[in-house]
N, C-alpha and C. Protein backbone atom coordinates (compact mmCIF):
# COMPACT_ATOMS: atom_id res chain seq x y z
N MET A 1 127.66 115.94 225.25
CA MET A 1 127.69 117.21 224.58
C MET A 1 126.37 117.38 223.85
N ASP A 2 125.82 118.58 223.90
CA ASP A 2 124.58 118.88 223.19
C ASP A 2 124.89 119.48 221.84
N TRP A 3 124.20 118.98 220.81
CA TRP A 3 124.38 119.48 219.45
C TRP A 3 123.07 120.09 218.99
N ASN A 4 123.15 121.25 218.35
CA ASN A 4 121.98 121.91 217.79
C ASN A 4 122.07 121.83 216.28
N ALA A 5 121.03 121.32 215.66
CA ALA A 5 121.03 121.16 214.21
C ALA A 5 121.10 122.53 213.52
N VAL A 6 121.87 122.62 212.45
CA VAL A 6 121.97 123.83 211.64
C VAL A 6 121.23 123.54 210.34
N PRO A 7 120.18 124.31 210.02
CA PRO A 7 119.43 124.02 208.79
C PRO A 7 120.27 124.32 207.55
N ILE A 8 120.13 123.46 206.55
CA ILE A 8 120.80 123.65 205.26
C ILE A 8 119.72 123.90 204.24
N GLU A 9 119.75 125.05 203.62
CA GLU A 9 118.74 125.43 202.64
C GLU A 9 119.18 124.98 201.26
N GLU A 10 118.29 124.27 200.58
CA GLU A 10 118.62 123.80 199.22
C GLU A 10 118.16 124.85 198.22
N ARG A 11 119.05 125.19 197.30
CA ARG A 11 118.72 126.16 196.26
C ARG A 11 119.05 125.59 194.90
N ASP A 12 118.27 125.96 193.93
CA ASP A 12 118.52 125.58 192.55
C ASP A 12 119.68 126.42 192.03
N PRO A 13 120.72 125.80 191.47
CA PRO A 13 121.85 126.59 190.97
C PRO A 13 121.44 127.63 189.92
N GLY A 14 120.31 127.44 189.26
CA GLY A 14 119.85 128.41 188.27
C GLY A 14 119.03 129.54 188.87
N HIS A 15 118.80 129.51 190.18
CA HIS A 15 118.03 130.54 190.86
C HIS A 15 118.77 131.87 190.75
N PRO A 16 118.07 132.97 190.48
CA PRO A 16 118.77 134.24 190.28
C PRO A 16 119.53 134.74 191.50
N ASP A 17 119.12 134.35 192.69
CA ASP A 17 119.82 134.80 193.90
C ASP A 17 121.04 133.97 194.22
N THR A 18 121.20 132.84 193.55
CA THR A 18 122.31 131.95 193.82
C THR A 18 123.35 132.09 192.72
N PRO A 19 124.59 132.37 193.10
CA PRO A 19 125.62 132.46 192.04
C PRO A 19 125.82 131.10 191.38
N PRO A 20 126.02 131.07 190.07
CA PRO A 20 126.23 129.78 189.41
C PRO A 20 127.54 129.15 189.86
N PRO A 21 127.60 127.82 189.95
CA PRO A 21 128.86 127.18 190.34
C PRO A 21 129.92 127.41 189.26
N ASP A 22 131.18 127.48 189.69
CA ASP A 22 132.28 127.73 188.75
C ASP A 22 132.49 126.56 187.81
N ALA A 23 132.27 125.36 188.29
CA ALA A 23 132.52 124.18 187.48
C ALA A 23 131.28 123.29 187.50
N PRO A 24 131.06 122.55 186.43
CA PRO A 24 129.92 121.63 186.43
C PRO A 24 130.14 120.50 187.44
N ARG A 25 129.04 119.91 187.87
CA ARG A 25 129.12 118.78 188.79
C ARG A 25 129.97 117.69 188.16
N ALA A 26 130.64 116.92 188.99
CA ALA A 26 131.48 115.83 188.49
C ALA A 26 130.63 114.76 187.81
N THR A 27 129.37 114.66 188.19
CA THR A 27 128.49 113.63 187.63
C THR A 27 127.52 114.20 186.59
N ALA A 28 127.78 115.41 186.09
CA ALA A 28 126.88 116.02 185.11
C ALA A 28 126.72 115.09 183.91
N GLY A 29 125.48 114.82 183.54
CA GLY A 29 125.20 113.99 182.39
C GLY A 29 125.12 112.50 182.69
N LEU A 30 125.49 112.12 183.87
CA LEU A 30 125.42 110.70 184.24
C LEU A 30 124.13 110.44 185.01
N ASP A 31 123.51 109.32 184.76
CA ASP A 31 122.31 108.99 185.50
C ASP A 31 122.57 107.89 186.51
N VAL A 32 123.84 107.67 186.83
CA VAL A 32 124.22 106.69 187.84
C VAL A 32 125.17 107.35 188.82
N THR A 33 125.32 106.72 189.96
CA THR A 33 126.23 107.27 190.97
C THR A 33 127.65 106.80 190.68
N PRO A 34 128.64 107.52 191.19
CA PRO A 34 130.02 107.08 191.01
C PRO A 34 130.25 105.67 191.59
N GLU A 35 129.58 105.35 192.69
CA GLU A 35 129.73 104.03 193.28
C GLU A 35 129.25 102.94 192.34
N THR A 36 128.14 103.19 191.63
CA THR A 36 127.61 102.21 190.69
C THR A 36 128.58 102.01 189.52
N LEU A 37 129.12 103.12 189.01
CA LEU A 37 130.10 103.01 187.93
C LEU A 37 131.32 102.23 188.37
N HIS A 38 131.79 102.50 189.58
CA HIS A 38 132.96 101.82 190.11
C HIS A 38 132.69 100.32 190.25
N ALA A 39 131.53 99.98 190.81
CA ALA A 39 131.18 98.57 190.98
C ALA A 39 131.06 97.87 189.63
N HIS A 40 130.49 98.55 188.64
CA HIS A 40 130.36 97.97 187.31
C HIS A 40 131.74 97.73 186.69
N PHE A 41 132.63 98.70 186.81
CA PHE A 41 133.97 98.57 186.28
C PHE A 41 134.70 97.40 186.94
N LEU A 42 134.59 97.30 188.27
CA LEU A 42 135.29 96.23 188.97
C LEU A 42 134.68 94.86 188.69
N GLY A 43 133.40 94.84 188.33
CA GLY A 43 132.75 93.57 188.06
C GLY A 43 133.03 93.00 186.69
N GLU A 44 133.55 93.78 185.79
CA GLU A 44 133.78 93.35 184.41
C GLU A 44 134.99 92.43 184.22
N PRO A 45 136.16 92.82 184.65
CA PRO A 45 137.36 92.02 184.30
C PRO A 45 137.45 90.72 185.11
N ASP A 46 137.23 89.60 184.43
CA ASP A 46 137.25 88.31 185.10
C ASP A 46 138.62 87.98 185.69
N HIS A 47 139.68 88.40 185.04
CA HIS A 47 141.02 88.04 185.49
C HIS A 47 141.41 88.76 186.79
N LEU A 48 140.62 89.74 187.22
CA LEU A 48 140.94 90.47 188.45
C LEU A 48 140.05 90.08 189.63
N LYS A 49 139.19 89.10 189.46
CA LYS A 49 138.22 88.77 190.51
C LYS A 49 138.89 88.42 191.85
N ASP A 50 139.98 87.65 191.81
CA ASP A 50 140.66 87.29 193.07
C ASP A 50 141.24 88.53 193.74
N ALA A 51 141.88 89.39 192.97
CA ALA A 51 142.47 90.62 193.54
C ALA A 51 141.37 91.53 194.07
N ILE A 52 140.28 91.63 193.35
CA ILE A 52 139.16 92.47 193.78
C ILE A 52 138.57 91.93 195.07
N SER A 53 138.37 90.64 195.14
CA SER A 53 137.81 90.02 196.34
C SER A 53 138.71 90.26 197.55
N LEU A 54 140.01 90.06 197.38
CA LEU A 54 140.95 90.29 198.46
C LEU A 54 140.95 91.76 198.89
N HIS A 55 140.92 92.65 197.91
CA HIS A 55 140.89 94.09 198.19
C HIS A 55 139.65 94.46 199.00
N GLN A 56 138.49 93.98 198.58
CA GLN A 56 137.25 94.29 199.28
C GLN A 56 137.26 93.74 200.70
N THR A 57 137.84 92.56 200.89
CA THR A 57 137.94 91.98 202.23
C THR A 57 138.80 92.86 203.13
N VAL A 58 139.94 93.29 202.63
CA VAL A 58 140.84 94.15 203.41
C VAL A 58 140.16 95.47 203.74
N VAL A 59 139.48 96.07 202.76
CA VAL A 59 138.80 97.34 203.00
C VAL A 59 137.72 97.19 204.06
N VAL A 60 136.91 96.17 203.94
CA VAL A 60 135.83 95.96 204.91
C VAL A 60 136.39 95.72 206.31
N GLU A 61 137.45 94.92 206.41
CA GLU A 61 138.01 94.59 207.72
C GLU A 61 138.72 95.77 208.38
N HIS A 62 139.35 96.65 207.57
CA HIS A 62 140.20 97.67 208.16
C HIS A 62 139.69 99.10 208.02
N ALA A 63 138.72 99.35 207.17
CA ALA A 63 138.26 100.73 206.96
C ALA A 63 137.69 101.34 208.23
N ARG A 64 136.92 100.60 208.97
CA ARG A 64 136.33 101.15 210.20
C ARG A 64 137.41 101.49 211.21
N ASP A 65 138.44 100.63 211.33
CA ASP A 65 139.53 100.91 212.26
C ASP A 65 140.25 102.20 211.88
N ILE A 66 140.53 102.36 210.59
CA ILE A 66 141.23 103.55 210.12
C ILE A 66 140.39 104.79 210.40
N GLU A 67 139.11 104.73 210.08
CA GLU A 67 138.23 105.87 210.30
C GLU A 67 138.14 106.23 211.77
N SER A 68 138.01 105.24 212.65
CA SER A 68 137.91 105.54 214.08
C SER A 68 139.22 106.10 214.61
N ARG A 69 140.36 105.61 214.11
CA ARG A 69 141.65 106.16 214.54
C ARG A 69 141.80 107.60 214.09
N PHE A 70 141.37 107.90 212.87
CA PHE A 70 141.47 109.27 212.38
C PHE A 70 140.67 110.20 213.28
N GLU A 71 139.45 109.81 213.64
CA GLU A 71 138.62 110.66 214.48
C GLU A 71 139.27 110.90 215.83
N LYS A 72 139.90 109.88 216.40
CA LYS A 72 140.56 110.05 217.70
C LYS A 72 141.75 110.98 217.60
N VAL A 73 142.51 110.87 216.52
CA VAL A 73 143.71 111.68 216.36
C VAL A 73 143.35 113.10 215.92
N ALA A 74 142.41 113.23 215.01
CA ALA A 74 142.10 114.53 214.42
C ALA A 74 141.41 115.46 215.40
N GLY A 75 140.46 114.94 216.20
CA GLY A 75 139.72 115.80 217.11
C GLY A 75 138.98 116.87 216.35
N VAL A 76 139.11 118.12 216.81
CA VAL A 76 138.45 119.25 216.17
C VAL A 76 139.44 119.89 215.20
N LEU A 77 139.05 119.92 213.93
CA LEU A 77 139.93 120.45 212.88
C LEU A 77 139.81 121.96 212.77
N ARG A 78 140.94 122.62 212.50
CA ARG A 78 140.92 124.05 212.18
C ARG A 78 140.28 124.21 210.81
N THR A 79 139.78 125.39 210.53
CA THR A 79 139.08 125.65 209.26
C THR A 79 139.93 125.29 208.05
N ASP A 80 141.19 125.73 208.04
CA ASP A 80 142.04 125.47 206.88
C ASP A 80 142.30 123.98 206.68
N THR A 81 142.47 123.24 207.77
CA THR A 81 142.68 121.79 207.69
C THR A 81 141.42 121.10 207.19
N PHE A 82 140.27 121.54 207.69
CA PHE A 82 138.98 120.99 207.28
C PHE A 82 138.77 121.20 205.78
N LEU A 83 139.03 122.42 205.30
CA LEU A 83 138.86 122.71 203.87
C LEU A 83 139.81 121.89 203.03
N GLU A 84 141.05 121.74 203.49
CA GLU A 84 142.03 120.95 202.75
C GLU A 84 141.60 119.48 202.66
N LEU A 85 141.06 118.96 203.74
CA LEU A 85 140.61 117.57 203.79
C LEU A 85 139.52 117.29 202.76
N PHE A 86 138.61 118.25 202.58
CA PHE A 86 137.49 118.06 201.66
C PHE A 86 137.71 118.70 200.29
N GLY A 87 138.86 119.31 200.08
CA GLY A 87 139.11 119.98 198.80
C GLY A 87 138.27 121.24 198.66
N GLY A 88 137.94 121.86 199.79
CA GLY A 88 137.11 123.05 199.78
C GLY A 88 137.93 124.32 199.69
N SER A 89 137.21 125.45 199.72
CA SER A 89 137.88 126.74 199.63
C SER A 89 137.04 127.80 200.33
N GLU A 90 137.68 128.93 200.59
CA GLU A 90 136.96 130.09 201.11
C GLU A 90 136.78 131.03 199.93
N LYS A 91 135.51 131.40 199.66
CA LYS A 91 135.21 132.17 198.46
C LYS A 91 134.06 133.12 198.73
N ASP A 92 134.27 134.39 198.47
CA ASP A 92 133.21 135.40 198.62
C ASP A 92 132.53 135.34 199.99
N GLY A 93 133.31 135.22 201.04
CA GLY A 93 132.75 135.22 202.39
C GLY A 93 132.06 133.93 202.79
N ALA A 94 132.37 132.85 202.11
CA ALA A 94 131.75 131.56 202.43
C ALA A 94 132.80 130.45 202.37
N LEU A 95 132.58 129.42 203.15
CA LEU A 95 133.37 128.21 203.03
C LEU A 95 132.61 127.31 202.06
N VAL A 96 133.26 126.90 200.98
CA VAL A 96 132.61 126.07 199.95
C VAL A 96 133.20 124.67 200.04
N ILE A 97 132.34 123.69 200.36
CA ILE A 97 132.78 122.31 200.54
C ILE A 97 132.13 121.45 199.46
N PRO A 98 132.92 120.98 198.49
CA PRO A 98 132.35 120.14 197.43
C PRO A 98 132.03 118.75 197.97
N LEU A 99 130.77 118.37 197.86
CA LEU A 99 130.32 117.06 198.32
C LEU A 99 129.60 116.35 197.19
N HIS A 100 130.17 116.43 195.98
CA HIS A 100 129.56 115.79 194.81
C HIS A 100 129.45 114.29 195.07
N GLY A 101 128.32 113.74 194.71
CA GLY A 101 128.08 112.33 194.97
C GLY A 101 127.27 112.14 196.23
N CYS A 102 127.11 113.18 197.04
CA CYS A 102 126.27 113.12 198.24
C CYS A 102 124.91 113.74 197.92
N GLU A 103 123.91 113.27 198.58
CA GLU A 103 122.58 113.86 198.50
C GLU A 103 122.36 114.69 199.76
N LEU A 104 121.56 115.74 199.66
CA LEU A 104 121.30 116.59 200.82
C LEU A 104 120.74 115.78 201.99
N SER A 105 119.94 114.74 201.69
CA SER A 105 119.37 113.92 202.75
C SER A 105 120.44 113.20 203.58
N GLY A 106 121.64 113.03 203.02
CA GLY A 106 122.71 112.36 203.74
C GLY A 106 123.72 113.32 204.36
N VAL A 107 123.41 114.62 204.33
CA VAL A 107 124.32 115.63 204.87
C VAL A 107 123.68 116.25 206.11
N GLY A 108 124.41 116.23 207.21
CA GLY A 108 123.93 116.84 208.44
C GLY A 108 124.97 117.80 209.00
N LEU A 109 124.51 118.95 209.45
CA LEU A 109 125.40 119.94 210.04
C LEU A 109 124.81 120.35 211.37
N SER A 110 125.62 120.31 212.42
CA SER A 110 125.15 120.74 213.73
C SER A 110 126.28 121.49 214.42
N MET A 111 125.91 122.23 215.46
CA MET A 111 126.94 122.95 216.19
C MET A 111 126.78 122.70 217.67
N GLY A 112 127.90 122.75 218.37
CA GLY A 112 127.92 122.54 219.80
C GLY A 112 129.11 123.24 220.39
N GLU A 113 129.49 122.83 221.58
CA GLU A 113 130.61 123.48 222.26
C GLU A 113 131.57 122.42 222.77
N VAL A 114 132.86 122.62 222.51
CA VAL A 114 133.91 121.74 222.99
C VAL A 114 134.96 122.62 223.65
N ASP A 115 135.26 122.35 224.89
CA ASP A 115 136.26 123.11 225.64
C ASP A 115 136.01 124.62 225.55
N GLY A 116 134.76 125.02 225.65
CA GLY A 116 134.41 126.44 225.66
C GLY A 116 134.43 127.13 224.32
N ARG A 117 134.59 126.41 223.23
CA ARG A 117 134.59 127.04 221.91
C ARG A 117 133.52 126.41 221.03
N GLU A 118 132.99 127.21 220.13
CA GLU A 118 131.95 126.76 219.22
C GLU A 118 132.55 125.82 218.18
N VAL A 119 131.93 124.66 218.02
CA VAL A 119 132.42 123.62 217.11
C VAL A 119 131.26 123.16 216.24
N PHE A 120 131.57 122.88 214.98
CA PHE A 120 130.57 122.37 214.05
C PHE A 120 130.88 120.91 213.74
N ARG A 121 129.82 120.15 213.52
CA ARG A 121 129.95 118.73 213.19
C ARG A 121 129.28 118.50 211.83
N LEU A 122 130.05 118.02 210.87
CA LEU A 122 129.53 117.65 209.56
C LEU A 122 129.42 116.14 209.52
N GLN A 123 128.22 115.65 209.24
CA GLN A 123 127.98 114.21 209.14
C GLN A 123 127.53 113.90 207.72
N LEU A 124 128.17 112.89 207.12
CA LEU A 124 127.84 112.48 205.76
C LEU A 124 127.47 111.01 205.77
N ALA A 125 126.46 110.66 204.99
CA ALA A 125 126.07 109.26 204.83
C ALA A 125 125.96 108.98 203.33
N THR A 126 126.43 107.81 202.93
CA THR A 126 126.34 107.42 201.52
C THR A 126 125.32 106.32 201.36
N GLU A 127 125.05 105.98 200.11
CA GLU A 127 124.07 104.92 199.82
C GLU A 127 124.51 103.59 200.42
N GLY A 128 125.79 103.34 200.49
CA GLY A 128 126.31 102.08 201.00
C GLY A 128 126.36 102.02 202.52
N SER A 129 125.61 102.87 203.19
CA SER A 129 125.54 102.91 204.66
C SER A 129 126.88 103.27 205.29
N GLN A 130 127.76 103.92 204.55
CA GLN A 130 129.00 104.39 205.14
C GLN A 130 128.74 105.76 205.73
N ARG A 131 129.39 106.03 206.87
CA ARG A 131 129.20 107.30 207.55
C ARG A 131 130.56 107.96 207.77
N LEU A 132 130.54 109.27 207.72
CA LEU A 132 131.74 110.06 207.96
C LEU A 132 131.33 111.24 208.82
N GLU A 133 132.12 111.53 209.83
CA GLU A 133 131.84 112.65 210.71
C GLU A 133 133.13 113.41 210.97
N ARG A 134 133.07 114.74 210.84
CA ARG A 134 134.23 115.57 211.12
C ARG A 134 133.78 116.77 211.96
N LEU A 135 134.60 117.10 212.96
CA LEU A 135 134.37 118.29 213.78
C LEU A 135 135.34 119.37 213.32
N PHE A 136 134.85 120.61 213.25
CA PHE A 136 135.70 121.71 212.80
C PHE A 136 135.24 123.02 213.42
N THR A 137 136.14 124.00 213.39
CA THR A 137 135.81 125.33 213.88
C THR A 137 135.80 126.30 212.71
N LEU A 138 135.12 127.41 212.91
CA LEU A 138 135.15 128.50 211.93
C LEU A 138 136.31 129.41 212.29
N PRO A 139 136.73 130.28 211.37
CA PRO A 139 137.76 131.25 211.73
C PRO A 139 137.33 132.04 212.97
N ALA A 140 138.29 132.48 213.77
CA ALA A 140 138.01 133.11 215.07
C ALA A 140 137.10 134.33 214.98
N ASP A 141 137.15 135.07 213.90
CA ASP A 141 136.37 136.30 213.80
C ASP A 141 135.01 136.11 213.11
N CYS A 142 134.50 134.87 213.04
CA CYS A 142 133.30 134.59 212.26
C CYS A 142 132.20 133.89 213.05
N ASN A 143 130.99 134.12 212.60
CA ASN A 143 129.82 133.34 212.98
C ASN A 143 129.26 132.73 211.69
N LEU A 144 128.45 131.69 211.83
CA LEU A 144 127.79 131.11 210.67
C LEU A 144 126.52 131.89 210.39
N ALA A 145 126.41 132.48 209.20
CA ALA A 145 125.21 133.21 208.81
C ALA A 145 124.13 132.23 208.36
N ASP A 146 124.49 131.33 207.44
CA ASP A 146 123.56 130.28 207.00
C ASP A 146 124.33 129.22 206.24
N ALA A 147 123.66 128.10 206.00
CA ALA A 147 124.24 126.97 205.27
C ALA A 147 123.35 126.71 204.06
N ILE A 148 123.97 126.69 202.88
CA ILE A 148 123.24 126.54 201.62
C ILE A 148 123.78 125.32 200.88
N TRP A 149 122.87 124.52 200.32
CA TRP A 149 123.24 123.38 199.48
C TRP A 149 122.89 123.75 198.05
N ALA A 150 123.89 123.80 197.18
CA ALA A 150 123.63 124.15 195.77
C ALA A 150 124.60 123.38 194.87
N GLY A 151 124.06 122.66 193.93
CA GLY A 151 124.87 121.97 192.93
C GLY A 151 125.88 121.00 193.51
N GLY A 152 125.52 120.29 194.59
CA GLY A 152 126.43 119.31 195.19
C GLY A 152 127.51 119.93 196.08
N GLU A 153 127.34 121.21 196.42
CA GLU A 153 128.30 121.87 197.29
C GLU A 153 127.59 122.45 198.50
N LEU A 154 128.26 122.38 199.64
CA LEU A 154 127.75 122.97 200.86
C LEU A 154 128.46 124.31 201.03
N HIS A 155 127.66 125.39 201.07
CA HIS A 155 128.19 126.74 201.24
C HIS A 155 127.86 127.19 202.65
N LEU A 156 128.89 127.43 203.44
CA LEU A 156 128.71 127.95 204.80
C LEU A 156 129.03 129.44 204.74
N ASN A 157 127.98 130.25 204.67
CA ASN A 157 128.16 131.69 204.58
C ASN A 157 128.53 132.25 205.94
N LEU A 158 129.58 133.06 205.96
CA LEU A 158 130.14 133.56 207.21
C LEU A 158 129.74 135.00 207.47
N ASP A 159 129.52 135.29 208.74
CA ASP A 159 129.27 136.65 209.20
C ASP A 159 130.51 137.08 209.96
N ARG A 160 131.26 138.02 209.40
CA ARG A 160 132.54 138.45 209.96
C ARG A 160 132.38 139.50 211.06
N SER A 161 131.16 139.81 211.47
CA SER A 161 130.96 140.85 212.49
C SER A 161 130.75 140.21 213.87
N ARG A 162 131.60 139.28 214.22
CA ARG A 162 131.48 138.60 215.52
C ARG A 162 131.74 139.59 216.64
N ASP A 163 130.87 139.55 217.63
CA ASP A 163 131.01 140.45 218.79
C ASP A 163 132.11 140.01 219.71
């Protein structure tokens, strides 16, 4: 399958053409990533080291299997299912996908065709070399106008005048 990259334009949330986000970023005021905070918290309690070690072993051994099974079962997600999975919403003619904790450099969006229909692929990469990929469709009456990254959210602006 051929995939064509979809450019994501980064905008400053304070830019006059960009509406301000409704809520502050989850990491506002923090100079560390959520992963660093989590690792620091887990590293502190000495009495939990055995449980933490066992937990990390199970996660490492089974996380890839779970992720690959999900991709096989999920296939191409409908828009509403995709938004529910990421805690996103449709707002002012755009799909808003909160990806707080991700950097734009780790976010990829491309489009292709599956079974004769237009499909989008969202790829996410984290600092810990973890990858996530989801395929989804837009609502039937829409085209993608543009993709904007603002304040840790991916805004997929929709054009409802599909021919």
